[in-house]
N, C-alpha and C. Protein backbone atom coordinates (compact mmCIF):
# COMPACT_ATOMS: atom_id res chain seq x y z
N MET A 1 40.17 31.11 -0.84
CA MET A 1 39.44 30.46 0.08
C MET A 1 40.17 30.10 1.56
N VAL A 2 39.66 30.07 2.44
CA VAL A 2 40.13 29.90 3.86
C VAL A 2 39.61 28.09 4.39
N PRO A 3 40.49 27.41 4.97
CA PRO A 3 39.93 26.58 5.75
C PRO A 3 38.91 26.72 6.57
N PRO A 4 37.56 25.66 6.47
CA PRO A 4 36.46 25.73 7.49
C PRO A 4 36.90 25.67 8.99
N GLU A 5 38.13 24.84 9.07
CA GLU A 5 38.75 24.96 10.46
C GLU A 5 38.98 26.43 11.22
N ILE A 6 39.41 27.02 10.29
CA ILE A 6 39.97 28.61 10.62
C ILE A 6 38.61 28.87 11.18
N LEU A 7 37.53 28.80 10.56
CA LEU A 7 36.27 29.35 11.00
C LEU A 7 35.78 29.22 11.97
N GLN A 8 35.72 27.58 12.32
CA GLN A 8 35.11 27.15 13.33
C GLN A 8 35.75 27.95 14.91
N ARG A 9 36.94 28.36 14.43
CA ARG A 9 37.59 28.84 16.01
C ARG A 9 37.07 29.82 16.41
N PHE A 10 36.03 30.40 15.55
CA PHE A 10 35.32 31.62 15.92
C PHE A 10 34.21 31.32 16.41
N SER A 11 33.99 32.12 17.60
CA SER A 11 32.57 32.05 18.40
C SER A 11 31.11 32.69 17.44
N PHE A 12 32.03 33.82 16.78
CA PHE A 12 30.65 33.93 16.33
C PHE A 12 29.83 32.95 15.17
N PHE A 13 30.42 31.82 14.81
CA PHE A 13 29.66 30.93 14.35
C PHE A 13 29.12 29.75 14.54
N PRO A 14 28.35 29.92 15.81
CA PRO A 14 28.27 28.57 16.65
C PRO A 14 27.47 27.81 15.94
N GLY A 15 27.46 26.65 15.94
CA GLY A 15 26.35 25.41 15.28
C GLY A 15 26.10 25.86 13.78
N LEU A 16 27.09 26.30 13.31
CA LEU A 16 27.03 26.20 11.57
C LEU A 16 26.96 24.64 10.90
N SER A 17 26.31 24.34 9.82
CA SER A 17 26.67 23.35 9.74
C SER A 17 27.93 23.00 8.29
N THR A 18 27.94 22.06 8.25
CA THR A 18 29.22 22.14 7.33
C THR A 18 28.85 22.92 5.65
N ASP A 19 27.94 22.49 5.33
CA ASP A 19 28.10 23.29 4.14
C ASP A 19 27.49 24.73 4.53
N GLU A 20 27.32 25.35 5.55
CA GLU A 20 27.68 27.02 5.83
C GLU A 20 28.68 27.36 6.22
N LEU A 21 29.70 26.45 6.51
CA LEU A 21 30.76 26.66 6.63
C LEU A 21 31.65 26.50 5.74
N ASN A 22 31.71 25.43 4.40
CA ASN A 22 32.30 25.41 3.26
C ASN A 22 32.02 26.54 2.38
N GLY A 23 30.61 27.46 2.65
CA GLY A 23 30.21 28.39 1.69
C GLY A 23 31.11 29.49 2.20
N LEU A 24 30.97 29.56 3.64
CA LEU A 24 32.18 31.22 4.05
C LEU A 24 33.39 30.44 3.84
N SER A 25 34.01 29.48 3.92
CA SER A 25 35.24 29.62 3.38
C SER A 25 36.04 29.35 2.24
N PHE A 26 34.57 29.31 1.24
CA PHE A 26 34.97 29.17 -0.71
C PHE A 26 35.29 30.95 -0.58
N ILE A 27 34.13 31.83 0.07
CA ILE A 27 34.27 32.83 -0.03
C ILE A 27 35.50 33.95 0.56
N GLY A 28 35.96 33.30 1.96
CA GLY A 28 36.93 33.95 2.70
C GLY A 28 38.30 34.32 2.15
N ARG A 29 39.13 35.47 1.76
CA ARG A 29 40.15 35.88 1.72
C ARG A 29 40.97 36.37 3.03
N GLU A 30 42.17 35.70 3.26
CA GLU A 30 43.02 35.97 4.14
C GLU A 30 43.42 37.24 3.49
N ILE A 31 43.54 38.13 4.05
CA ILE A 31 44.37 39.51 4.21
C ILE A 31 45.21 39.87 5.21
N SER A 32 46.32 40.94 5.06
CA SER A 32 47.28 41.27 5.65
C SER A 32 47.21 42.54 5.82
N PHE A 33 47.24 43.41 6.62
CA PHE A 33 47.80 44.75 7.06
C PHE A 33 48.88 45.55 8.09
N GLN A 34 49.62 46.70 7.81
CA GLN A 34 50.55 46.81 8.73
C GLN A 34 49.94 47.82 9.50
N ARG A 35 50.83 48.19 11.02
CA ARG A 35 50.40 48.75 11.88
C ARG A 35 50.10 50.44 11.10
N GLY A 36 49.14 50.91 11.72
CA GLY A 36 49.06 52.48 11.01
C GLY A 36 47.99 52.31 9.51
N ASP A 37 47.59 51.35 8.75
CA ASP A 37 46.69 51.08 7.81
C ASP A 37 45.12 51.31 8.60
N CYS A 38 44.19 52.21 7.38
CA CYS A 38 43.22 52.32 7.62
C CYS A 38 42.63 50.69 6.53
N ILE A 39 41.68 50.27 7.66
CA ILE A 39 40.86 48.73 6.80
C ILE A 39 39.69 49.66 5.74
N PHE A 40 39.03 50.62 6.98
CA PHE A 40 37.94 51.24 6.35
C PHE A 40 37.52 52.48 6.86
N GLN A 41 37.06 53.31 6.75
CA GLN A 41 36.29 54.56 6.98
C GLN A 41 34.92 54.83 7.57
N GLU A 42 34.52 55.10 8.47
CA GLU A 42 33.30 55.73 8.61
C GLU A 42 32.59 56.28 7.64
N GLY A 43 31.53 55.34 7.26
CA GLY A 43 30.40 56.68 6.14
C GLY A 43 30.99 55.66 4.90
N ASP A 44 31.89 54.95 4.53
CA ASP A 44 32.11 54.25 3.37
C ASP A 44 31.10 53.36 3.10
N THR A 45 31.20 52.66 2.03
CA THR A 45 30.06 51.20 1.63
C THR A 45 31.01 50.48 2.33
N ALA A 46 29.95 49.73 2.84
CA ALA A 46 30.28 48.40 3.62
C ALA A 46 30.90 47.16 2.48
N HIS A 47 32.02 46.94 2.07
CA HIS A 47 31.86 45.84 1.34
C HIS A 47 32.63 44.55 1.90
N SER A 48 32.72 44.89 2.84
CA SER A 48 33.17 43.38 3.73
C SER A 48 33.19 43.16 4.91
N LEU A 49 32.91 41.96 5.44
CA LEU A 49 32.86 41.77 7.02
C LEU A 49 34.31 41.24 7.09
N TYR A 50 35.20 41.77 8.45
CA TYR A 50 36.32 40.88 8.74
C TYR A 50 36.31 39.92 10.34
N LEU A 51 36.99 38.73 9.97
CA LEU A 51 37.25 38.14 11.23
C LEU A 51 38.73 38.15 11.75
N LEU A 52 38.76 38.89 12.54
CA LEU A 52 40.18 38.89 12.86
C LEU A 52 41.13 37.67 13.78
N LEU A 53 42.30 37.25 12.38
CA LEU A 53 43.04 36.23 12.89
C LEU A 53 44.16 36.82 13.85
N GLU A 54 44.58 37.56 13.81
CA GLU A 54 46.34 38.12 14.74
C GLU A 54 45.98 39.35 14.61
N GLY A 55 46.56 40.57 15.40
CA GLY A 55 46.62 41.55 15.97
C GLY A 55 45.33 42.24 16.35
N TRP A 56 45.71 43.49 17.04
CA TRP A 56 44.59 44.77 17.19
C TRP A 56 44.20 45.63 16.12
N VAL A 57 42.74 46.26 16.16
CA VAL A 57 42.25 47.11 15.25
C VAL A 57 41.43 47.81 16.62
N ASP A 58 41.80 49.13 16.06
CA ASP A 58 40.95 50.24 16.71
C ASP A 58 39.53 50.98 16.12
N VAL A 59 38.67 50.44 16.47
CA VAL A 59 37.31 51.00 16.34
C VAL A 59 37.47 52.46 16.80
N LEU A 60 37.25 53.19 15.53
CA LEU A 60 37.34 54.84 16.13
C LEU A 60 35.96 55.30 15.15
N ILE A 61 35.29 56.33 15.83
CA ILE A 61 34.44 57.49 15.46
C ILE A 61 34.61 58.75 15.03
N ASP A 62 34.01 59.54 14.08
CA ASP A 62 34.52 60.31 14.32
C ASP A 62 33.84 61.50 14.92
N ALA A 63 34.39 62.33 15.35
CA ALA A 63 34.43 63.54 16.53
C ALA A 63 33.25 64.31 16.18
N GLU A 64 33.88 65.03 15.05
CA GLU A 64 32.41 65.84 14.16
C GLU A 64 32.56 65.64 13.17
N ALA A 65 30.74 66.20 12.00
CA ALA A 65 31.21 65.76 10.63
C ALA A 65 32.32 66.96 10.03
N GLY A 66 33.02 66.79 9.24
CA GLY A 66 33.89 67.33 8.21
C GLY A 66 34.80 67.81 9.09
N ASP A 67 35.43 67.12 10.48
CA ASP A 67 36.48 67.30 11.55
C ASP A 67 37.37 65.89 11.41
N ASP A 68 38.95 66.26 11.09
CA ASP A 68 39.20 64.74 10.99
C ASP A 68 39.34 64.23 12.42
N ARG A 69 39.16 64.50 13.67
CA ARG A 69 39.74 63.94 14.96
C ARG A 69 38.60 62.84 15.21
N ARG A 70 39.30 61.65 15.30
CA ARG A 70 38.28 60.55 15.67
C ARG A 70 38.47 60.52 17.29
N GLY A 71 37.51 59.35 17.55
CA GLY A 71 37.79 59.06 19.31
C GLY A 71 37.86 57.25 19.06
N LEU A 72 38.87 57.39 19.89
CA LEU A 72 39.15 55.37 20.36
C LEU A 72 37.24 55.44 21.06
N MET A 73 36.90 53.93 20.08
CA MET A 73 35.71 53.34 20.86
C MET A 73 36.05 52.39 21.22
N MET A 74 37.18 51.37 20.97
CA MET A 74 37.22 50.41 21.43
C MET A 74 38.52 49.20 20.60
N THR A 75 39.30 49.10 21.35
CA THR A 75 40.69 47.88 20.36
C THR A 75 40.05 46.46 20.26
N LEU A 76 39.81 46.06 19.27
CA LEU A 76 39.78 44.48 18.97
C LEU A 76 40.87 43.75 18.84
N THR A 77 40.68 42.47 19.11
CA THR A 77 41.63 41.59 19.52
C THR A 77 41.53 40.41 18.56
N ALA A 78 42.43 39.22 18.36
CA ALA A 78 41.95 37.83 17.44
C ALA A 78 40.63 37.11 18.30
N GLY A 79 39.87 36.85 16.96
CA GLY A 79 38.63 36.26 17.30
C GLY A 79 37.50 36.85 17.49
N ASP A 80 37.47 38.51 17.35
CA ASP A 80 36.62 39.05 17.06
C ASP A 80 36.03 39.59 15.42
N ILE A 81 35.00 39.79 15.57
CA ILE A 81 34.40 40.45 14.09
C ILE A 81 34.32 42.03 13.93
N PHE A 82 34.28 42.66 12.94
CA PHE A 82 33.87 43.66 12.37
C PHE A 82 33.73 44.00 11.24
N GLY A 83 32.94 45.59 10.94
CA GLY A 83 32.87 45.86 9.67
C GLY A 83 31.21 45.08 9.44
N TRP A 84 30.75 44.95 10.75
CA TRP A 84 29.50 43.92 10.64
C TRP A 84 28.53 44.69 9.49
N SER A 85 28.38 45.87 9.26
CA SER A 85 27.50 46.76 8.07
C SER A 85 27.74 46.57 6.83
N ALA A 86 28.55 45.31 6.69
CA ALA A 86 28.58 44.50 5.48
C ALA A 86 27.19 44.00 5.05
N VAL A 87 26.37 43.31 6.60
CA VAL A 87 25.60 42.60 6.56
C VAL A 87 24.30 43.12 6.99
N VAL A 88 24.79 44.26 7.43
CA VAL A 88 22.80 44.76 7.62
C VAL A 88 22.78 46.32 6.72
N GLU A 89 21.96 46.50 6.26
CA GLU A 89 21.66 47.91 5.24
C GLU A 89 21.48 48.75 6.27
N PRO A 90 22.09 49.82 5.73
CA PRO A 90 22.31 50.37 4.17
C PRO A 90 23.95 49.88 3.87
N HIS A 91 24.29 48.86 4.39
CA HIS A 91 25.22 48.87 4.25
C HIS A 91 26.90 50.00 3.81
N VAL A 92 26.59 50.45 5.09
CA VAL A 92 27.61 51.56 5.34
C VAL A 92 27.99 51.63 6.28
N TYR A 93 29.76 51.86 6.60
CA TYR A 93 30.37 51.68 7.85
C TYR A 93 29.91 52.38 9.06
N THR A 94 29.88 52.32 10.07
CA THR A 94 29.18 53.37 11.20
C THR A 94 30.56 53.84 11.94
N ALA A 95 31.54 53.31 11.81
CA ALA A 95 33.04 53.52 12.59
C ALA A 95 33.86 53.30 11.27
N SER A 96 35.08 53.61 11.90
CA SER A 96 36.70 53.46 11.17
C SER A 96 37.24 52.39 11.89
N ALA A 97 37.93 51.57 11.19
CA ALA A 97 38.97 50.16 11.80
C ALA A 97 40.18 50.62 11.23
N MET A 98 41.51 50.67 12.16
CA MET A 98 42.49 51.28 12.02
C MET A 98 43.41 50.34 12.73
N CYS A 99 44.42 49.92 11.70
CA CYS A 99 45.54 48.72 12.42
C CYS A 99 46.20 49.18 13.63
N ALA A 100 46.41 48.77 14.74
CA ALA A 100 47.13 49.32 16.08
C ALA A 100 48.42 48.65 16.63
N SER A 101 47.97 47.47 15.37
CA SER A 101 49.42 46.41 15.11
C SER A 101 49.19 45.81 13.87
N PRO A 102 50.38 44.88 13.46
CA PRO A 102 50.56 44.32 11.98
C PRO A 102 48.77 43.36 12.44
N VAL A 103 48.39 43.15 11.57
CA VAL A 103 47.12 42.58 11.63
C VAL A 103 47.06 41.50 11.06
N LYS A 104 46.35 40.16 10.88
CA LYS A 104 45.87 39.05 9.52
C LYS A 104 44.40 39.15 9.71
N ALA A 105 43.84 38.93 8.87
CA ALA A 105 42.27 38.60 8.94
C ALA A 105 41.35 38.10 7.87
N ILE A 106 40.11 37.74 8.10
CA ILE A 106 39.52 37.45 7.24
C ILE A 106 38.82 38.07 6.69
N SER A 107 38.64 38.42 5.13
CA SER A 107 37.50 39.38 4.49
C SER A 107 36.67 38.28 3.83
N LEU A 108 35.42 38.82 4.44
CA LEU A 108 34.28 38.14 3.54
C LEU A 108 33.26 39.27 2.60
N SER A 109 33.67 39.29 1.59
CA SER A 109 32.77 40.11 0.51
C SER A 109 31.23 40.20 0.87
N GLN A 110 30.91 41.19 0.95
CA GLN A 110 29.51 42.04 0.83
C GLN A 110 28.43 41.19 0.08
N VAL A 111 28.88 41.06 -1.35
CA VAL A 111 28.05 40.47 -2.24
C VAL A 111 27.89 39.23 -2.30
N GLU A 112 29.23 38.82 -1.89
CA GLU A 112 29.45 37.09 -1.99
C GLU A 112 28.45 36.75 -1.07
N LEU A 113 28.78 37.51 0.48
CA LEU A 113 27.74 37.12 1.50
C LEU A 113 26.33 37.05 1.33
N GLN A 114 25.72 38.25 0.58
CA GLN A 114 24.54 38.45 0.12
C GLN A 114 23.92 37.03 -0.93
N ALA A 115 24.95 36.64 -2.08
CA ALA A 115 24.82 35.47 -2.36
C ALA A 115 24.27 34.28 -1.98
N LEU A 116 25.08 33.84 -0.51
CA LEU A 116 24.69 33.22 0.20
C LEU A 116 23.81 32.85 0.81
N PHE A 117 23.22 34.31 1.04
CA PHE A 117 22.02 34.31 1.75
C PHE A 117 20.91 34.11 1.25
N GLU A 118 21.11 34.63 0.06
CA GLU A 118 19.83 34.22 -0.74
C GLU A 118 19.39 33.13 -0.57
N ILE A 119 20.78 32.05 -1.03
CA ILE A 119 20.18 30.64 -0.99
C ILE A 119 19.75 29.98 0.15
N ASP A 120 19.91 30.39 1.30
CA ASP A 120 19.62 29.63 2.64
C ASP A 120 19.59 30.96 3.59
N ARG A 121 17.91 31.36 3.60
CA ARG A 121 17.59 32.31 4.15
C ARG A 121 17.69 32.07 6.10
N GLU A 122 17.48 31.03 6.11
CA GLU A 122 17.80 30.40 7.83
C GLU A 122 19.19 31.02 8.26
N PHE A 123 20.61 30.69 7.24
CA PHE A 123 21.80 31.13 7.42
C PHE A 123 22.17 32.65 7.44
N TYR A 124 20.79 33.56 6.95
CA TYR A 124 21.36 34.42 6.82
C TYR A 124 20.53 34.88 8.52
N CYS A 125 19.43 34.73 8.55
CA CYS A 125 19.00 34.54 10.00
C CYS A 125 20.20 34.27 11.09
N THR A 126 20.71 33.78 11.32
CA THR A 126 21.85 32.88 11.98
C THR A 126 23.14 34.05 12.28
N ILE A 127 23.56 34.42 11.15
CA ILE A 127 24.50 35.20 11.19
C ILE A 127 23.68 36.41 11.28
N VAL A 128 22.53 36.89 11.31
CA VAL A 128 22.19 38.58 11.75
C VAL A 128 21.95 38.38 13.35
N THR A 129 21.30 37.14 13.84
CA THR A 129 21.24 37.46 15.34
C THR A 129 22.61 37.35 15.98
N GLN A 130 23.71 36.42 15.36
CA GLN A 130 24.58 37.18 15.97
C GLN A 130 25.75 38.21 15.93
N ILE A 131 25.30 39.08 14.71
CA ILE A 131 25.60 40.34 14.58
C ILE A 131 24.68 41.17 15.54
N CYS A 132 23.75 40.89 15.94
CA CYS A 132 23.03 41.64 16.86
C CYS A 132 23.68 41.51 18.41
N HIS A 133 24.29 40.36 18.69
CA HIS A 133 25.17 40.07 19.86
C HIS A 133 26.23 40.73 19.62
N VAL A 134 26.59 41.35 18.60
CA VAL A 134 27.82 41.68 18.64
C VAL A 134 27.67 42.92 18.88
N ILE A 135 26.79 43.79 18.20
CA ILE A 135 26.01 45.20 18.24
C ILE A 135 25.61 45.90 19.67
N ALA A 136 24.65 44.54 20.85
CA ALA A 136 24.77 44.73 22.26
C ALA A 136 26.01 44.58 22.75
N SER A 137 26.82 43.75 22.29
CA SER A 137 27.67 43.84 23.32
C SER A 137 28.58 45.09 23.49
N ARG A 138 28.71 45.81 22.27
CA ARG A 138 29.55 46.80 22.01
C ARG A 138 28.78 48.09 22.38
N LEU A 139 27.21 48.00 22.15
CA LEU A 139 26.94 48.75 22.84
C LEU A 139 26.85 49.01 24.51
N ARG A 140 27.11 47.99 24.93
CA ARG A 140 27.51 47.83 26.47
C ARG A 140 28.44 48.56 27.07
N ALA A 141 29.72 48.24 26.17
CA ALA A 141 30.72 48.41 26.80
C ALA A 141 31.12 50.19 26.49
N THR A 142 30.24 50.78 25.29
CA THR A 142 30.53 52.01 25.45
C THR A 142 29.66 52.82 26.48
N ARG A 143 28.25 52.42 26.57
CA ARG A 143 27.49 52.81 27.96
C ARG A 143 28.39 52.96 28.91
N LEU A 144 28.92 51.57 29.14
CA LEU A 144 30.20 52.09 30.24
C LEU A 144 31.14 53.06 30.48
N GLN A 145 31.80 52.94 29.10
CA GLN A 145 32.59 54.00 28.68
C GLN A 145 32.05 55.58 29.07
N MET A 146 30.81 55.57 28.46
CA MET A 146 30.42 56.90 28.80
C MET A 146 30.15 57.34 30.31
N ALA A 147 29.47 56.58 30.65
CA ALA A 147 28.81 56.57 32.35
C ALA A 147 30.56 56.60 33.27
N SER A 148 31.73 55.99 32.51
CA SER A 148 32.48 56.38 33.55
C SER A 148 33.44 57.57 33.45
N LEU A 149 32.43 58.35 32.49
CA LEU A 149 33.00 60.26 31.96
C LEU A 149 32.40 60.66 32.93
N PHE A 150 31.59 60.49 33.45
CA PHE A 150 30.12 61.47 34.59
C PHE A 150 30.45 60.86 35.97
N VAL A 151 30.99 59.48 36.13
CA VAL A 151 31.33 59.01 37.33
C VAL A 151 32.22 59.97 38.43
N ALA A 152 31.90 60.47 39.36
CA ALA A 152 33.17 61.72 40.13
C ALA A 152 33.92 60.49 40.89
N ASN A 153 35.33 60.84 40.92
CA ASN A 153 36.47 59.90 41.10
C ASN A 153 36.49 60.00 42.81
């Protein structure tokens, strides 16, 4: 269990009710990783949504199928969420998450989130809307990265 006050710090949860925050707080688990740890790999079944409390997490994508090379897409910092595939079907991670430093995060189990969403569909819609904002923001950042590769210096 994670205190609801910690969850309130995340801009990802705007305007949630006390009951919704308490539900998330009940299923939240604080976890730690060391620098270099792989939290999850692209293509794995998405078992958790993560809220980054401390540290840096690199988001990497596979360069080619069957190849061990990965490209850095972005580095996440405290306050960011990652592993959103735990909420969005088909529940498969679309990138890998590697610790660029020691990391503290909150893990929200996909199975337990689904149970909360079954009880309160409006809550589900709120979370999915926020995830859409995160995906759109990251897509814009990736687009800018790609565009910068083609701009002549």
